[in-house]
């Protein structure tokens, strides 16, 4: 059986050491397991509602380049406005210019922004099945070790039973991955859990069993 080491106590007076562990899905409950994660991005200069030449600072380059969802365009929130861009170019240390900028995206309205305004990357899934979104959240937005999610088993079950429901979802501020996984399970009709004996995180759609059910009665 596999567990993630959570704590160790001892040895006590008799030399006993106590080790405690949690299942890997508990790592989705950590404060750091958020989608999208908090990003430290700021505008270099003031802009008006029509400006598309935008320069920002980002202490971590991945805050601008990392994928937050399944879209080719990336999304950035400034105040109540969401803009999209296709790439970034390093100008000098931690300063970047954004390319392919489109203002006032995803139902928001372009607005003037002051210099040094804070910006937050936006999570966005488009026409995605629930199990694919859940797989992305586990694989790319938690510290759950690679390989614990049973990718082959998920694909088999997902392609067989979970292809008809797709969703567009915008997440403009960091949310707990745990809560997003719970929503996906509830709304798309599947379950995930930690199987400590198989040492995997399987996926089970709400479906009839493939195996012949075992009959249980007073005589069996």
Protein backbone atom coordinates (compact mmCIF):
# COMPACT_ATOMS: atom_id res chain seq x y z
CA UNK A 1 0.00 0.00 0.00
CA UNK A 2 1.17 3.53 -0.71
CA UNK A 3 0.61 6.63 1.41
CA UNK A 4 2.20 10.08 1.50
CA UNK A 5 4.22 10.64 4.68
CA UNK A 6 2.33 13.16 6.79
CA UNK A 7 4.17 13.08 10.10
CA UNK A 8 6.46 11.18 12.42
CA UNK A 9 6.53 11.10 16.21
CA UNK A 10 8.96 9.47 18.61
CA UNK A 11 10.76 7.52 19.61
CA UNK A 12 8.94 7.46 22.94
CA UNK A 13 10.30 6.01 26.17
CA UNK A 14 9.85 2.47 24.89
CA UNK A 15 11.52 3.26 21.56
CA UNK A 16 8.24 3.30 19.62
CA UNK A 17 8.06 5.52 16.52
CA UNK A 18 4.70 6.47 15.01
CA UNK A 19 4.46 7.31 11.32
CA UNK A 20 1.28 8.80 9.87
CA UNK A 21 0.35 8.97 6.22
CA UNK A 22 -2.40 10.31 3.97
CA UNK A 23 -3.60 9.22 0.56
CA UNK A 24 -2.21 11.21 -2.39
CA UNK A 25 -5.57 12.83 -3.20
CA UNK A 26 -5.19 14.75 0.06
CA UNK A 27 -2.49 16.77 -1.76
CA UNK A 28 -5.33 18.36 -3.74
CA UNK A 29 -6.49 19.94 -0.47
CA UNK A 30 -3.26 21.86 0.10
CA UNK A 31 -3.41 25.65 0.03
CA UNK A 32 -0.93 25.61 -2.86
CA UNK A 33 -3.19 23.34 -4.96
CA UNK A 34 -5.16 26.07 -6.71
CA UNK A 35 -6.37 26.62 -10.26
CA UNK A 36 -5.28 28.99 -11.53
CA UNK A 37 -2.48 29.51 -9.01
CA UNK A 38 -1.85 33.02 -7.70
CA UNK A 39 0.40 34.89 -10.16
CA UNK A 40 2.63 37.91 -9.42
CA UNK A 41 2.17 40.03 -12.56
CA UNK A 42 1.99 43.85 -12.76
CA UNK A 43 1.52 46.45 -15.47
CA UNK A 44 4.65 48.48 -16.24
CA UNK A 45 2.76 51.58 -17.40
CA UNK A 46 -0.76 52.96 -17.48
CA UNK A 47 -2.98 51.90 -20.40
CA UNK A 48 -6.30 53.06 -21.80
CA UNK A 49 -9.16 50.89 -23.01
CA UNK A 50 -7.76 50.67 -26.56
CA UNK A 51 -4.12 49.85 -25.76
CA UNK A 52 -2.85 46.53 -27.09
CA UNK A 53 0.90 47.19 -26.64
CA UNK A 54 1.15 45.95 -23.07
CA UNK A 55 4.28 45.47 -20.94
CA UNK A 56 4.23 43.67 -17.62
CA UNK A 57 6.59 42.44 -14.94
CA UNK A 58 6.54 38.81 -13.83
CA UNK A 59 8.86 37.53 -11.13
CA UNK A 60 8.27 33.96 -12.41
CA UNK A 61 8.35 33.52 -16.19
CA UNK A 62 5.95 30.58 -15.93
CA UNK A 63 3.27 32.89 -14.58
CA UNK A 64 2.92 34.18 -18.14
CA UNK A 65 3.79 31.09 -20.19
CA UNK A 66 2.23 28.20 -18.25
CA UNK A 67 -1.02 26.67 -19.46
CA UNK A 68 -4.07 27.22 -17.28
CA UNK A 69 -6.59 25.10 -19.12
CA UNK A 70 -6.78 23.74 -22.68
CA UNK A 71 -6.84 26.93 -24.78
CA UNK A 72 -4.15 28.08 -27.21
CA UNK A 73 -4.67 31.71 -26.17
CA UNK A 74 -3.81 32.71 -22.61
CA UNK A 75 -6.01 34.91 -20.46
CA UNK A 76 -5.08 37.64 -17.97
CA UNK A 77 -7.39 39.54 -15.61
CA UNK A 78 -6.83 43.22 -14.82
CA UNK A 79 -9.47 44.49 -12.44
CA UNK A 80 -12.79 43.43 -13.96
CA UNK A 81 -11.40 43.07 -17.50
CA UNK A 82 -10.01 39.87 -19.02
CA UNK A 83 -7.63 40.16 -21.97
CA UNK A 84 -6.11 37.40 -24.08
CA UNK A 85 -2.62 37.10 -25.57
CA UNK A 86 -0.65 34.53 -27.55
CA UNK A 87 2.89 34.93 -26.19
CA UNK A 88 5.41 37.04 -24.33
CA UNK A 89 8.87 38.41 -25.11
CA UNK A 90 11.52 39.13 -22.48
CA UNK A 91 12.60 42.79 -22.69
CA UNK A 92 14.87 42.93 -19.67
CA UNK A 93 15.08 41.23 -16.30
CA UNK A 94 11.49 40.19 -15.34
CA UNK A 95 9.94 42.62 -17.88
CA UNK A 96 7.92 41.21 -20.79
CA UNK A 97 5.86 42.51 -23.70
CA UNK A 98 2.70 40.58 -24.56
CA UNK A 99 1.93 39.64 -28.16
CA UNK A 100 -1.40 39.02 -29.89
CA UNK A 101 -3.31 41.01 -27.26
CA UNK A 102 -7.09 41.23 -27.50
CA UNK A 103 -8.89 43.36 -24.95
CA UNK A 104 -12.26 42.83 -23.26
CA UNK A 105 -12.52 39.06 -23.70
CA UNK A 106 -14.91 36.44 -22.26
CA UNK A 107 -17.78 38.86 -21.77
CA UNK A 108 -15.75 41.59 -20.05
CA UNK A 109 -15.28 45.22 -21.11
CA UNK A 110 -11.92 46.84 -21.84
CA UNK A 111 -11.05 49.54 -19.33
CA UNK A 112 -8.19 51.89 -18.49
CA UNK A 113 -5.66 50.51 -16.01
CA UNK A 114 -3.08 52.37 -13.93
CA UNK A 115 0.62 51.64 -13.79
CA UNK A 116 1.63 48.87 -11.36
CA UNK A 117 -1.88 47.38 -11.40
CA UNK A 118 -1.88 43.75 -10.33
CA UNK A 119 -2.81 41.09 -12.89
CA UNK A 120 -3.94 37.50 -12.42
CA UNK A 121 -3.81 34.64 -14.92
CA UNK A 122 -7.24 33.19 -15.69
CA UNK A 123 -8.09 29.49 -15.96
CA UNK A 124 -10.08 28.59 -19.06
CA UNK A 125 -11.41 25.29 -20.40
CA UNK A 126 -13.20 25.22 -23.76
CA UNK A 127 -15.31 22.32 -25.07
CA UNK A 128 -13.66 19.97 -22.60
CA UNK A 129 -15.01 16.78 -21.07
CA UNK A 130 -15.12 16.67 -17.29
CA UNK A 131 -12.68 13.77 -16.95
CA UNK A 132 -10.09 15.51 -19.15
CA UNK A 133 -10.35 18.67 -17.03
CA UNK A 134 -10.01 16.59 -13.84
CA UNK A 135 -6.94 14.85 -15.27
CA UNK A 136 -5.35 18.22 -16.07
CA UNK A 137 -6.06 19.53 -12.57
CA UNK A 138 -4.45 16.48 -10.94
CA UNK A 139 -1.46 16.23 -13.29
CA UNK A 140 -0.57 19.90 -13.65
CA UNK A 141 -2.01 21.79 -10.69
CA UNK A 142 -1.25 19.58 -7.68
CA UNK A 143 1.88 17.91 -6.29
CA UNK A 144 0.33 14.44 -6.61
CA UNK A 145 3.23 12.28 -7.87
CA UNK A 146 3.21 11.43 -11.56
CA UNK A 147 1.88 7.96 -12.25
CA UNK A 148 -0.59 7.78 -9.37
CA UNK A 149 -3.43 8.81 -11.66
CA UNK A 150 -4.14 5.71 -13.74
CA UNK A 151 -4.00 7.51 -17.10
CA UNK A 152 -4.67 4.43 -19.25
CA UNK A 153 -7.67 3.37 -17.15
CA UNK A 154 -9.04 6.95 -17.16
CA UNK A 155 -8.81 7.10 -20.94
CA UNK A 156 -10.55 3.76 -21.38
CA UNK A 157 -13.44 4.74 -19.11
CA UNK A 158 -13.63 8.32 -20.39
CA UNK A 159 -13.70 7.42 -24.07
CA UNK A 160 -16.27 4.68 -23.45
CA UNK A 161 -18.70 6.57 -21.22
CA UNK A 162 -17.92 10.27 -20.81
CA UNK A 163 -17.70 11.83 -24.27
CA UNK A 164 -21.13 13.43 -24.67
CA UNK A 165 -20.92 16.17 -22.04
CA UNK A 166 -18.55 19.06 -22.69
CA UNK A 167 -18.24 22.42 -20.99
CA UNK A 168 -16.78 25.91 -21.32
CA UNK A 169 -15.57 27.20 -17.97
CA UNK A 170 -13.74 30.39 -16.99
CA UNK A 171 -12.11 30.59 -13.56
CA UNK A 172 -10.92 34.19 -13.05
CA UNK A 173 -9.46 33.79 -9.56
CA UNK A 174 -7.61 30.99 -7.73
CA UNK A 175 -9.88 28.19 -6.50
CA UNK A 176 -9.14 25.02 -4.58
CA UNK A 177 -8.37 22.09 -6.88
CA UNK A 178 -10.22 19.88 -4.40
CA UNK A 179 -13.45 21.85 -4.86
CA UNK A 180 -13.07 21.89 -8.65
CA UNK A 181 -12.56 18.11 -8.71
CA UNK A 182 -15.67 17.71 -6.56
CA UNK A 183 -17.70 19.83 -9.00
CA UNK A 184 -16.44 17.80 -11.96
CA UNK A 185 -17.36 14.49 -10.30
CA UNK A 186 -20.84 15.73 -9.41
CA UNK A 187 -21.69 17.48 -12.67
CA UNK A 188 -20.22 14.94 -15.09
CA UNK A 189 -21.20 11.77 -13.23
CA UNK A 190 -18.01 9.99 -12.22
CA UNK A 191 -16.03 9.17 -9.08
CA UNK A 192 -12.33 9.19 -8.26
CA UNK A 193 -10.63 7.84 -5.15
CA UNK A 194 -7.32 6.49 -3.84
CA UNK A 195 -6.92 2.72 -4.16
CA UNK A 196 -4.09 1.99 -1.73
CA UNK A 197 -3.72 -1.63 -2.80
CA UNK A 198 -3.46 -0.86 -6.52
CA UNK A 199 -1.59 2.34 -5.63
CA UNK A 200 -3.56 4.24 -8.25
CA UNK A 201 -6.26 6.91 -8.55
CA UNK A 202 -8.93 5.24 -10.74
CA UNK A 203 -11.95 6.80 -12.41
CA UNK A 204 -15.40 5.22 -12.45
CA UNK A 205 -18.27 6.73 -14.48
CA UNK A 206 -21.83 6.26 -13.26
CA UNK A 207 -22.50 3.23 -15.46
CA UNK A 208 -23.70 -0.35 -15.33
CA UNK A 209 -21.00 -2.78 -14.15
CA UNK A 210 -18.99 -4.52 -16.84
CA UNK A 211 -18.54 -7.60 -14.68
CA UNK A 212 -21.34 -10.02 -13.88
CA UNK A 213 -22.71 -8.93 -10.48
CA UNK A 214 -22.25 -11.36 -7.59
CA UNK A 215 -25.55 -12.45 -6.10
CA UNK A 216 -25.74 -12.19 -2.32
CA UNK A 217 -28.55 -13.86 -0.41
CA UNK A 218 -29.23 -15.59 2.91
CA UNK A 219 -28.10 -18.89 1.43
CA UNK A 220 -24.80 -17.61 -0.07
